[in-house]
Amino acid sequence: MLEDLRMGHWHSTRDLLARTGDDWALRTARSQVIACVDLDAENVRAWRQEEPHHPDALMLWARTLTEGVLTAGRRGTVPYDVVERARRACGNASQAYPADPVPWVCQLALTALDTDPMNPHRPHHWGRTQDPMLPRGPWQLLDQVHARHPEGSREAFLRMYQCLHARRYGALDFACWANQVAPEGSPVLPLVLHAYAALARERLGNGQIGNTLGFWQDSQVVYYTERARDHWFRKLSDPEAAPLTDLNHLAYALSATGLSGAAEVFEAIGPYATPAPWEGLSIGGDWIHDFHTARRGALRRWR
């Protein structure tokens, strides 16, 4: 299907999304992959020209515009009108298919560019929640996703975290809260490990710590690593189908904390190391070597 998309054939994309139906987790994941492949949006644009009111075409249009804005944002400032164009596309998609959580996930993603509280894109991007200990943020958008995908949207919580991380306030608190409220087996549970890895990477980068050994021995970090292992990984019916970045974060955290269970996670990963978190936390600079060293050690102890 992706090869067809690269060749300008959008019909297989339409058929794939039709087969996906209302499996919201799968629809969210597949649409993101498709949008990343078609960043110039040429194929989705062609689909929209043929079927301008098709809900899936409108959703993918919102997806590709959102991914394009986020990619541009990583390189510099994005003009407000460009962000608004993507946001309008999200609104059109949600009107065409009100039950679909993906357009709301896209709106959440765009809030990572709304970082100035004195000049907010939207007031509700800086809203409060009932818990006064949690930071201001786009809680209304997260609620909209949750109303449509109550099982827990991994990407929605990740986008909320990225928004707060971009604002440099409250991201870790949010990730810890999400871990606490997520039910067993929820794909939201490993998010806190992404947050701790990001914090360790920042402290390494600014010289606060010379290595991460002490960081991963902190009782709070150990506690949340255990929760991700016991309440997420060990509840998976098919661990090899779990997101590789989540598995890699858990494998790193288990190895760094010295907790048991790393070998099983490495088995699920196989040879598929992801740069995060290994690259940002590598002291020697060879993150692939670090991955294989940790993997060999865990498997040796296991066997």
C-alpha atoms as a PDB file:
ATOM      1  CA  MET A   1       0.000   0.000   0.000  1.00  0.00           C
ATOM      2  CA  LEU A   2       2.783   2.454   0.893  1.00  0.00           C
ATOM      3  CA  GLU A   3       4.530   1.666  -2.377  1.00  0.00           C
ATOM      4  CA  ASP A   4       1.295   2.428  -4.233  1.00  0.00           C
ATOM      5  CA  LEU A   5       1.089   5.733  -2.380  1.00  0.00           C
ATOM      6  CA  ARG A   6       4.635   6.646  -3.359  1.00  0.00           C
ATOM      7  CA  MET A   7       3.691   5.931  -6.979  1.00  0.00           C
ATOM      8  CA  GLY A   8       0.653   8.181  -6.756  1.00  0.00           C
ATOM      9  CA  HIS A   9      -1.985   5.455  -6.424  1.00  0.00           C
ATOM     10  CA  TRP A  10      -4.410   6.446  -3.687  1.00  0.00           C
ATOM     11  CA  HIS A  11      -7.081   3.804  -4.239  1.00  0.00           C
ATOM     12  CA  SER A  12      -5.301   1.212  -2.096  1.00  0.00           C
ATOM     13  CA  THR A  13      -5.149   3.787   0.707  1.00  0.00           C
ATOM     14  CA  ARG A  14      -8.912   4.299   0.488  1.00  0.00           C
ATOM     15  CA  ASP A  15      -9.474   0.544   0.562  1.00  0.00           C
ATOM     16  CA  LEU A  16      -7.159   0.068   3.535  1.00  0.00           C
ATOM     17  CA  LEU A  17      -8.927   2.719   5.594  1.00  0.00           C
ATOM     18  CA  ALA A  18     -12.297   1.239   4.652  1.00  0.00           C
ATOM     19  CA  ARG A  19     -11.146  -2.162   5.930  1.00  0.00           C
ATOM     20  CA  THR A  20      -9.830  -0.556   9.120  1.00  0.00           C
ATOM     21  CA  GLY A  21     -13.322   0.626   9.999  1.00  0.00           C
ATOM     22  CA  ASP A  22     -13.806   1.922  13.528  1.00  0.00           C
ATOM     23  CA  ASP A  23     -10.756   0.233  15.011  1.00  0.00           C
ATOM     24  CA  TRP A  24      -9.646   3.632  16.269  1.00  0.00           C
ATOM     25  CA  ALA A  25      -6.193   2.603  17.453  1.00  0.00           C
ATOM     26  CA  LEU A  26      -5.424   1.063  14.070  1.00  0.00           C
ATOM     27  CA  ARG A  27      -6.979   3.963  12.163  1.00  0.00           C
ATOM     28  CA  THR A  28      -4.912   6.443  14.158  1.00  0.00           C
ATOM     29  CA  ALA A  29      -1.676   4.541  13.596  1.00  0.00           C
ATOM     30  CA  ARG A  30      -2.233   3.836   9.910  1.00  0.00           C
ATOM     31  CA  SER A  31      -3.276   7.376   9.073  1.00  0.00           C
ATOM     32  CA  GLN A  32      -0.153   8.756  10.721  1.00  0.00           C
ATOM     33  CA  VAL A  33       2.110   6.440   8.735  1.00  0.00           C
ATOM     34  CA  ILE A  34       0.330   7.318   5.492  1.00  0.00           C
ATOM     35  CA  ALA A  35       0.610  11.046   6.204  1.00  0.00           C
ATOM     36  CA  CYS A  36       4.333  10.761   6.913  1.00  0.00           C
ATOM     37  CA  VAL A  37       4.874   8.995   3.580  1.00  0.00           C
ATOM     38  CA  ASP A  38       2.810  11.577   1.672  1.00  0.00           C
ATOM     39  CA  LEU A  39       4.139  14.728   3.325  1.00  0.00           C
ATOM     40  CA  ASP A  40       3.732  16.796   0.173  1.00  0.00           C
ATOM     41  CA  ALA A  41       0.044  15.713   0.201  1.00  0.00           C
ATOM     42  CA  GLU A  42      -0.029  15.200  -3.561  1.00  0.00           C
ATOM     43  CA  ASN A  43      -1.795  11.838  -3.408  1.00  0.00           C
ATOM     44  CA  VAL A  44      -4.327  12.896  -0.810  1.00  0.00           C
ATOM     45  CA  ARG A  45      -4.957  16.051  -2.823  1.00  0.00           C
ATOM     46  CA  ALA A  46      -5.692  13.876  -5.871  1.00  0.00           C
ATOM     47  CA  TRP A  47      -8.085  11.759  -3.817  1.00  0.00           C
ATOM     48  CA  ARG A  48      -9.898  14.859  -2.560  1.00  0.00           C
ATOM     49  CA  GLN A  49     -10.304  16.087  -6.111  1.00  0.00           C
ATOM     50  CA  GLU A  50     -11.961  12.804  -7.078  1.00  0.00           C
ATOM     51  CA  GLU A  51     -14.016  12.404  -3.890  1.00  0.00           C
ATOM     52  CA  PRO A  52     -14.139  15.819  -2.192  1.00  0.00           C
ATOM     53  CA  HIS A  53     -16.613  14.776   0.511  1.00  0.00           C
ATOM     54  CA  HIS A  54     -15.165  11.381   1.403  1.00  0.00           C
ATOM     55  CA  PRO A  55     -14.607  11.374   5.196  1.00  0.00           C
ATOM     56  CA  ASP A  56     -11.384   9.382   4.953  1.00  0.00           C
ATOM     57  CA  ALA A  57      -9.970  11.703   2.309  1.00  0.00           C
ATOM     58  CA  LEU A  58     -10.775  14.711   4.484  1.00  0.00           C
ATOM     59  CA  MET A  59      -9.219  13.018   7.512  1.00  0.00           C
ATOM     60  CA  LEU A  60      -6.019  12.222   5.606  1.00  0.00           C
ATOM     61  CA  TRP A  61      -5.898  15.771   4.275  1.00  0.00           C
ATOM     62  CA  ALA A  62      -5.983  17.018   7.867  1.00  0.00           C
ATOM     63  CA  ARG A  63      -3.336  14.452   8.785  1.00  0.00           C
ATOM     64  CA  THR A  64      -0.924  15.418   6.023  1.00  0.00           C
ATOM     65  CA  LEU A  65      -1.319  19.146   6.647  1.00  0.00           C
ATOM     66  CA  THR A  66      -0.741  18.578  10.360  1.00  0.00           C
ATOM     67  CA  GLU A  67       2.376  16.480   9.787  1.00  0.00           C
ATOM     68  CA  GLY A  68       3.671  19.101   7.367  1.00  0.00           C
ATOM     69  CA  VAL A  69       3.157  21.879   9.910  1.00  0.00           C
ATOM     70  CA  LEU A  70       4.875  19.881  12.655  1.00  0.00           C
ATOM     71  CA  THR A  71       7.812  19.070  10.378  1.00  0.00           C
ATOM     72  CA  ALA A  72       8.168  22.758   9.498  1.00  0.00           C
ATOM     73  CA  GLY A  73       7.884  23.650  13.174  1.00  0.00           C
ATOM     74  CA  ARG A  74      10.912  21.524  14.007  1.00  0.00           C
ATOM     75  CA  ARG A  75      12.913  23.666  11.582  1.00  0.00           C
ATOM     76  CA  GLY A  76      11.674  27.061  12.724  1.00  0.00           C
ATOM     77  CA  THR A  77       8.648  29.278  13.209  1.00  0.00           C
ATOM     78  CA  VAL A  78       5.522  28.385  11.245  1.00  0.00           C
ATOM     79  CA  PRO A  79       3.264  31.254  10.090  1.00  0.00           C
ATOM     80  CA  TYR A  80      -0.003  31.387  11.993  1.00  0.00           C
ATOM     81  CA  ASP A  81      -2.110  31.162   8.834  1.00  0.00           C
ATOM     82  CA  VAL A  82      -0.404  27.881   7.889  1.00  0.00           C
ATOM     83  CA  VAL A  83      -1.287  26.412  11.276  1.00  0.00           C
ATOM     84  CA  GLU A  84      -4.842  27.701  10.908  1.00  0.00           C
ATOM     85  CA  ARG A  85      -5.171  26.026   7.511  1.00  0.00           C
ATOM     86  CA  ALA A  86      -4.340  22.675   9.094  1.00  0.00           C
ATOM     87  CA  ARG A  87      -6.710  23.377  11.967  1.00  0.00           C
ATOM     88  CA  ARG A  88      -9.561  24.170   9.572  1.00  0.00           C
ATOM     89  CA  ALA A  89      -8.896  20.906   7.756  1.00  0.00           C
ATOM     90  CA  CYS A  90      -9.235  19.108  11.093  1.00  0.00           C
ATOM     91  CA  GLY A  91     -12.577  20.801  11.675  1.00  0.00           C
ATOM     92  CA  ASN A  92     -13.844  19.815   8.231  1.00  0.00           C
ATOM     93  CA  ALA A  93     -12.792  16.209   8.801  1.00  0.00           C
ATOM     94  CA  SER A  94     -14.494  16.003  12.179  1.00  0.00           C
ATOM     95  CA  GLN A  95     -17.711  17.400  10.702  1.00  0.00           C
ATOM     96  CA  ALA A  96     -17.625  14.807   7.923  1.00  0.00           C
ATOM     97  CA  TYR A  97     -17.159  11.923  10.382  1.00  0.00           C
ATOM     98  CA  PRO A  98     -18.097  13.048  13.908  1.00  0.00           C
ATOM     99  CA  ALA A  99     -17.233   9.690  15.528  1.00  0.00           C
ATOM    100  CA  ASP A 100     -13.639   9.769  14.270  1.00  0.00           C
ATOM    101  CA  PRO A 101     -11.039  10.682  16.939  1.00  0.00           C
ATOM    102  CA  VAL A 102      -8.216  11.274  14.440  1.00  0.00           C
ATOM    103  CA  PRO A 103      -9.050  14.912  13.539  1.00  0.00           C
ATOM    104  CA  TRP A 104      -9.067  15.719  17.252  1.00  0.00           C
ATOM    105  CA  VAL A 105      -5.716  13.975  17.662  1.00  0.00           C
ATOM    106  CA  CYS A 106      -4.415  16.228  14.886  1.00  0.00           C
ATOM    107  CA  GLN A 107      -5.735  19.316  16.650  1.00  0.00           C
ATOM    108  CA  LEU A 108      -3.946  18.157  19.796  1.00  0.00           C
ATOM    109  CA  ALA A 109      -0.735  17.742  17.815  1.00  0.00           C
ATOM    110  CA  LEU A 110      -0.946  21.317  16.550  1.00  0.00           C
ATOM    111  CA  THR A 111      -1.020  22.688  20.105  1.00  0.00           C
ATOM    112  CA  ALA A 112       2.706  21.940  20.379  1.00  0.00           C
ATOM    113  CA  LEU A 113       3.136  25.149  18.355  1.00  0.00           C
ATOM    114  CA  ASP A 114       0.993  27.185  20.769  1.00  0.00           C
ATOM    115  CA  THR A 115       3.677  27.947  23.345  1.00  0.00           C
ATOM    116  CA  ASP A 116       3.150  31.600  24.275  1.00  0.00           C
ATOM    117  CA  PRO A 117       0.499  32.082  26.999  1.00  0.00           C
ATOM    118  CA  MET A 118       0.466  35.815  26.269  1.00  0.00           C
ATOM    119  CA  ASN A 119      -0.481  35.179  22.643  1.00  0.00           C
ATOM    120  CA  PRO A 120      -2.481  31.930  22.585  1.00  0.00           C
ATOM    121  CA  HIS A 121      -3.788  30.437  19.352  1.00  0.00           C
ATOM    122  CA  ARG A 122      -6.952  29.382  21.191  1.00  0.00           C
ATOM    123  CA  PRO A 123      -7.965  30.020  24.837  1.00  0.00           C
ATOM    124  CA  HIS A 124      -8.928  26.369  25.342  1.00  0.00           C
ATOM    125  CA  HIS A 125      -5.360  25.325  24.520  1.00  0.00           C
ATOM    126  CA  TRP A 126      -4.506  26.748  27.941  1.00  0.00           C
ATOM    127  CA  GLY A 127      -7.484  25.447  29.874  1.00  0.00           C
ATOM    128  CA  ARG A 128      -7.541  24.050  33.371  1.00  0.00           C
ATOM    129  CA  THR A 129      -8.612  20.603  34.454  1.00  0.00           C
ATOM    130  CA  GLN A 130     -10.339  19.592  37.669  1.00  0.00           C
ATOM    131  CA  ASP A 131      -7.050  18.595  39.297  1.00  0.00           C
ATOM    132  CA  PRO A 132      -5.308  21.837  40.385  1.00  0.00           C
ATOM    133  CA  MET A 133      -1.954  20.021  40.465  1.00  0.00           C
ATOM    134  CA  LEU A 134      -2.017  19.445  36.722  1.00  0.00           C
ATOM    135  CA  PRO A 135      -0.819  22.103  34.261  1.00  0.00           C
ATOM    136  CA  ARG A 136      -2.904  24.258  31.984  1.00  0.00           C
ATOM    137  CA  GLY A 137      -3.241  22.689  28.573  1.00  0.00           C
ATOM    138  CA  PRO A 138      -5.532  21.559  25.742  1.00  0.00           C
ATOM    139  CA  TRP A 139      -7.584  19.336  28.032  1.00  0.00           C
ATOM    140  CA  GLN A 140     -10.762  19.948  26.035  1.00  0.00           C
ATOM    141  CA  LEU A 141      -9.149  18.426  22.964  1.00  0.00           C
ATOM    142  CA  LEU A 142      -7.940  15.415  24.935  1.00  0.00           C
ATOM    143  CA  ASP A 143     -11.481  15.005  26.268  1.00  0.00           C
ATOM    144  CA  GLN A 144     -12.841  15.065  22.714  1.00  0.00           C
ATOM    145  CA  VAL A 145     -10.509  12.229  21.737  1.00  0.00           C
ATOM    146  CA  HIS A 146     -11.350  10.257  24.867  1.00  0.00           C
ATOM    147  CA  ALA A 147     -15.084  10.609  24.220  1.00  0.00           C
ATOM    148  CA  ARG A 148     -14.554   8.887  20.865  1.00  0.00           C
ATOM    149  CA  HIS A 149     -11.778   6.485  21.873  1.00  0.00           C
ATOM    150  CA  PRO A 150     -12.391   5.655  25.559  1.00  0.00           C
ATOM    151  CA  GLU A 151      -9.996   2.689  25.506  1.00  0.00           C
ATOM    152  CA  GLY A 152      -7.153   5.212  25.469  1.00  0.00           C
ATOM    153  CA  SER A 153      -5.529   6.838  22.456  1.00  0.00           C
ATOM    154  CA  ARG A 154      -1.776   6.401  22.684  1.00  0.00           C
ATOM    155  CA  GLU A 155      -1.105   9.186  20.208  1.00  0.00           C
ATOM    156  CA  ALA A 156      -3.495  11.629  21.877  1.00  0.00           C
ATOM    157  CA  PHE A 157      -1.713  11.325  25.215  1.00  0.00           C
ATOM    158  CA  LEU A 158       1.657  11.517  23.475  1.00  0.00           C
ATOM    159  CA  ARG A 159       0.571  14.707  21.668  1.00  0.00           C
ATOM    160  CA  MET A 160      -0.638  16.214  24.942  1.00  0.00           C
ATOM    161  CA  TYR A 161       2.725  15.398  26.496  1.00  0.00           C
ATOM    162  CA  GLN A 162       4.572  16.937  23.532  1.00  0.00           C
ATOM    163  CA  CYS A 163       2.514  20.111  23.866  1.00  0.00           C
ATOM    164  CA  LEU A 164       3.417  20.481  27.543  1.00  0.00           C
ATOM    165  CA  HIS A 165       7.042  19.558  26.871  1.00  0.00           C
ATOM    166  CA  ALA A 166       7.244  22.277  24.222  1.00  0.00           C
ATOM    167  CA  ARG A 167       5.965  24.742  26.838  1.00  0.00           C
ATOM    168  CA  ARG A 168       8.584  23.416  29.278  1.00  0.00           C
ATOM    169  CA  TYR A 169       6.105  23.061  32.097  1.00  0.00           C
ATOM    170  CA  GLY A 170       4.165  20.142  33.521  1.00  0.00           C
ATOM    171  CA  ALA A 171       5.016  17.437  30.985  1.00  0.00           C
ATOM    172  CA  LEU A 172       6.373  14.923  33.494  1.00  0.00           C
ATOM    173  CA  ASP A 173       3.508  15.591  35.908  1.00  0.00           C
ATOM    174  CA  PHE A 174       1.062  14.889  33.101  1.00  0.00           C
ATOM    175  CA  ALA A 175       2.812  11.661  32.096  1.00  0.00           C
ATOM    176  CA  CYS A 176       2.831  10.407  35.698  1.00  0.00           C
ATOM    177  CA  TRP A 177      -0.855  11.285  36.068  1.00  0.00           C
ATOM    178  CA  ALA A 178      -1.694   9.500  32.808  1.00  0.00           C
ATOM    179  CA  ASN A 179       0.124   6.396  34.027  1.00  0.00           C
ATOM    180  CA  GLN A 180      -1.893   6.433  37.243  1.00  0.00           C
ATOM    181  CA  VAL A 181      -5.319   6.797  35.638  1.00  0.00           C
ATOM    182  CA  ALA A 182      -4.764   4.445  32.682  1.00  0.00           C
ATOM    183  CA  PRO A 183      -6.364   0.996  33.009  1.00  0.00           C
ATOM    184  CA  GLU A 184      -4.348  -2.211  32.832  1.00  0.00           C
ATOM    185  CA  GLY A 185      -3.053  -2.960  29.360  1.00  0.00           C
ATOM    186  CA  SER A 186      -3.554   0.627  28.204  1.00  0.00           C
ATOM    187  CA  PRO A 187      -1.114   1.884  25.551  1.00  0.00           C
ATOM    188  CA  VAL A 188      -0.898   5.091  27.591  1.00  0.00           C
ATOM    189  CA  LEU A 189       1.066   3.409  30.415  1.00  0.00           C
ATOM    190  CA  PRO A 190       4.560   3.554  28.786  1.00  0.00           C
ATOM    191  CA  LEU A 191       4.310   7.305  28.101  1.00  0.00           C
ATOM    192  CA  VAL A 192       5.895   8.095  31.460  1.00  0.00           C
ATOM    193  CA  LEU A 193       9.060   6.288  30.340  1.00  0.00           C
ATOM    194  CA  HIS A 194       9.298   8.630  27.351  1.00  0.00           C
ATOM    195  CA  ALA A 195       9.031  11.526  29.794  1.00  0.00           C
ATOM    196  CA  TYR A 196      11.754  10.206  32.083  1.00  0.00           C
ATOM    197  CA  ALA A 197      14.054   9.481  29.142  1.00  0.00           C
ATOM    198  CA  ALA A 198      13.545  13.043  27.881  1.00  0.00           C
ATOM    199  CA  LEU A 199      14.349  14.426  31.332  1.00  0.00           C
ATOM    200  CA  ALA A 200      17.507  12.319  31.593  1.00  0.00           C
ATOM    201  CA  ARG A 201      18.558  13.436  28.108  1.00  0.00           C
ATOM    202  CA  GLU A 202      18.064  17.090  29.035  1.00  0.00           C
ATOM    203  CA  ARG A 203      20.096  16.731  32.221  1.00  0.00           C
ATOM    204  CA  LEU A 204      22.894  15.045  30.304  1.00  0.00           C
ATOM    205  CA  GLY A 205      22.814  17.730  27.656  1.00  0.00           C
ATOM    206  CA  ASN A 206      23.021  20.672  30.046  1.00  0.00           C
ATOM    207  CA  GLY A 207      25.652  19.060  32.237  1.00  0.00           C
ATOM    208  CA  GLN A 208      23.464  18.541  35.302  1.00  0.00           C
ATOM    209  CA  ILE A 209      24.575  14.910  35.362  1.00  0.00           C
ATOM    210  CA  GLY A 210      27.642  13.192  33.936  1.00  0.00           C
ATOM    211  CA  ASN A 211      25.878   9.874  33.459  1.00  0.00           C
ATOM    212  CA  THR A 212      22.405   8.487  34.004  1.00  0.00           C
ATOM    213  CA  LEU A 213      23.153   5.738  36.523  1.00  0.00           C
ATOM    214  CA  GLY A 214      21.820   7.600  39.547  1.00  0.00           C
ATOM    215  CA  PHE A 215      18.865   8.963  37.614  1.00  0.00           C
ATOM    216  CA  TRP A 216      17.419   5.522  36.915  1.00  0.00           C
ATOM    217  CA  GLN A 217      17.866   4.389  40.529  1.00  0.00           C
ATOM    218  CA  ASP A 218      15.446   7.050  41.790  1.00  0.00           C
ATOM    219  CA  SER A 219      12.544   5.358  43.586  1.00  0.00           C
ATOM    220  CA  GLN A 220       9.943   7.236  41.541  1.00  0.00           C
ATOM    221  CA  VAL A 221      11.536   6.177  38.257  1.00  0.00           C
ATOM    222  CA  VAL A 222      11.754   2.578  39.464  1.00  0.00           C
ATOM    223  CA  TYR A 223       8.093   2.670  40.505  1.00  0.00           C
ATOM    224  CA  TYR A 224       6.835   3.845  37.117  1.00  0.00           C
ATOM    225  CA  THR A 225       9.108   1.428  35.277  1.00  0.00           C
ATOM    226  CA  GLU A 226       7.582  -1.421  37.279  1.00  0.00           C
ATOM    227  CA  ARG A 227       4.094  -0.172  36.446  1.00  0.00           C
ATOM    228  CA  ALA A 228       4.846  -0.072  32.723  1.00  0.00           C
ATOM    229  CA  ARG A 229       6.259  -3.596  32.893  1.00  0.00           C
ATOM    230  CA  ASP A 230       3.528  -5.146  35.041  1.00  0.00           C
ATOM    231  CA  HIS A 231       0.412  -3.280  33.944  1.00  0.00           C
ATOM    232  CA  TRP A 232       1.244  -2.802  30.268  1.00  0.00           C
ATOM    233  CA  PHE A 233       3.843  -5.190  28.843  1.00  0.00           C
ATOM    234  CA  ARG A 234       2.816  -8.259  30.830  1.00  0.00           C
ATOM    235  CA  LYS A 235      -0.824  -7.726  29.872  1.00  0.00           C
ATOM    236  CA  LEU A 236      -0.135  -7.678  26.123  1.00  0.00           C
ATOM    237  CA  SER A 237      -1.585 -10.572  24.156  1.00  0.00           C
ATOM    238  CA  ASP A 238       0.973 -10.031  21.384  1.00  0.00           C
ATOM    239  CA  PRO A 239       4.033  -8.133  22.679  1.00  0.00           C
ATOM    240  CA  GLU A 240       5.732  -8.175  19.271  1.00  0.00           C
ATOM    241  CA  ALA A 241       2.889  -6.063  17.870  1.00  0.00           C
ATOM    242  CA  ALA A 242       3.389  -3.291  20.436  1.00  0.00           C
ATOM    243  CA  PRO A 243       4.878   0.044  19.288  1.00  0.00           C
ATOM    244  CA  LEU A 244       8.626  -0.373  18.955  1.00  0.00           C
ATOM    245  CA  THR A 245       9.423   2.953  20.574  1.00  0.00           C
ATOM    246  CA  ASP A 246       7.456   1.948  23.666  1.00  0.00           C
ATOM    247  CA  LEU A 247       9.191  -1.425  23.826  1.00  0.00           C
ATOM    248  CA  ASN A 248      12.594   0.217  23.435  1.00  0.00           C
ATOM    249  CA  HIS A 249      11.869   2.713  26.199  1.00  0.00           C
ATOM    250  CA  LEU A 250      10.788  -0.096  28.519  1.00  0.00           C
ATOM    251  CA  ALA A 251      13.820  -2.233  27.662  1.00  0.00           C
ATOM    252  CA  TYR A 252      16.130   0.693  28.362  1.00  0.00           C
ATOM    253  CA  ALA A 253      14.403   1.557  31.637  1.00  0.00           C
ATOM    254  CA  LEU A 254      14.425  -2.041  32.890  1.00  0.00           C
ATOM    255  CA  SER A 255      18.102  -2.387  32.004  1.00  0.00           C
ATOM    256  CA  ALA A 256      19.035   0.930  33.606  1.00  0.00           C
ATOM    257  CA  THR A 257      17.058   0.351  36.801  1.00  0.00           C
ATOM    258  CA  GLY A 258      18.233  -3.240  37.126  1.00  0.00           C
ATOM    259  CA  LEU A 259      14.677  -4.526  37.362  1.00  0.00           C
ATOM    260  CA  SER A 260      13.799  -7.959  36.029  1.00  0.00           C
ATOM    261  CA  GLY A 261      11.978  -8.479  32.764  1.00  0.00           C
ATOM    262  CA  ALA A 262      14.261  -6.750  30.274  1.00  0.00           C
ATOM    263  CA  ALA A 263      14.988  -9.987  28.415  1.00  0.00           C
ATOM    264  CA  GLU A 264      11.341 -10.602  27.563  1.00  0.00           C
ATOM    265  CA  VAL A 265      11.051  -7.072  26.233  1.00  0.00           C
ATOM    266  CA  PHE A 266      14.200  -7.452  24.118  1.00  0.00           C
ATOM    267  CA  GLU A 267      12.761 -10.698  22.763  1.00  0.00           C
ATOM    268  CA  ALA A 268       9.654  -8.808  21.667  1.00  0.00           C
ATOM    269  CA  ILE A 269      11.799  -6.098  20.072  1.00  0.00           C
ATOM    270  CA  GLY A 270      13.991  -8.522  18.165  1.00  0.00           C
ATOM    271  CA  PRO A 271      16.651  -6.645  16.176  1.00  0.00           C
ATOM    272  CA  TYR A 272      14.487  -3.541  15.755  1.00  0.00           C
ATOM    273  CA  ALA A 273      16.188  -0.918  17.884  1.00  0.00           C
ATOM    274  CA  THR A 274      14.744   2.584  17.671  1.00  0.00           C
ATOM    275  CA  PRO A 275      16.926   5.686  18.113  1.00  0.00           C
ATOM    276  CA  ALA A 276      14.797   6.816  21.061  1.00  0.00           C
ATOM    277  CA  PRO A 277      15.750   6.485  23.837  1.00  0.00           C
ATOM    278  CA  TRP A 278      19.148   4.925  23.126  1.00  0.00           C
ATOM    279  CA  GLU A 279      20.649   7.671  20.977  1.00  0.00           C
ATOM    280  CA  GLY A 280      19.907  10.560  23.316  1.00  0.00           C
ATOM    281  CA  LEU A 281      21.140   8.677  26.381  1.00  0.00           C
ATOM    282  CA  SER A 282      24.309   7.215  24.899  1.00  0.00           C
ATOM    283  CA  ILE A 283      27.410   8.343  26.781  1.00  0.00           C
ATOM    284  CA  GLY A 284      29.855   6.936  24.244  1.00  0.00           C
ATOM    285  CA  GLY A 285      27.918   8.056  21.191  1.00  0.00           C
ATOM    286  CA  ASP A 286      27.353   4.583  19.700  1.00  0.00           C
ATOM    287  CA  TRP A 287      23.739   3.967  20.610  1.00  0.00           C
ATOM    288  CA  ILE A 288      23.374   0.845  18.479  1.00  0.00           C
ATOM    289  CA  HIS A 289      26.282  -0.699  20.390  1.00  0.00           C
ATOM    290  CA  ASP A 290      24.570   0.308  23.642  1.00  0.00           C
ATOM    291  CA  PHE A 291      21.373  -1.412  22.542  1.00  0.00           C
ATOM    292  CA  HIS A 292      23.106  -4.656  21.627  1.00  0.00           C
ATOM    293  CA  THR A 293      25.184  -4.618  24.817  1.00  0.00           C
ATOM    294  CA  ALA A 294      22.071  -4.233  26.954  1.00  0.00           C
ATOM    295  CA  ARG A 295      20.247  -6.867  24.912  1.00  0.00           C
ATOM    296  CA  ARG A 296      23.033  -9.430  25.190  1.00  0.00           C
ATOM    297  CA  GLY A 297      23.343  -8.854  28.926  1.00  0.00           C
ATOM    298  CA  ALA A 298      19.616  -9.234  29.526  1.00  0.00           C
ATOM    299  CA  LEU A 299      19.300 -12.375  27.419  1.00  0.00           C
ATOM    300  CA  ARG A 300      22.382 -13.941  29.010  1.00  0.00           C
ATOM    301  CA  ARG A 301      20.970 -13.456  32.496  1.00  0.00           C
ATOM    302  CA  TRP A 302      17.587 -14.772  31.376  1.00  0.00           C
ATOM    303  CA  ARG A 303      18.908 -17.965  29.809  1.00  0.00           C
END
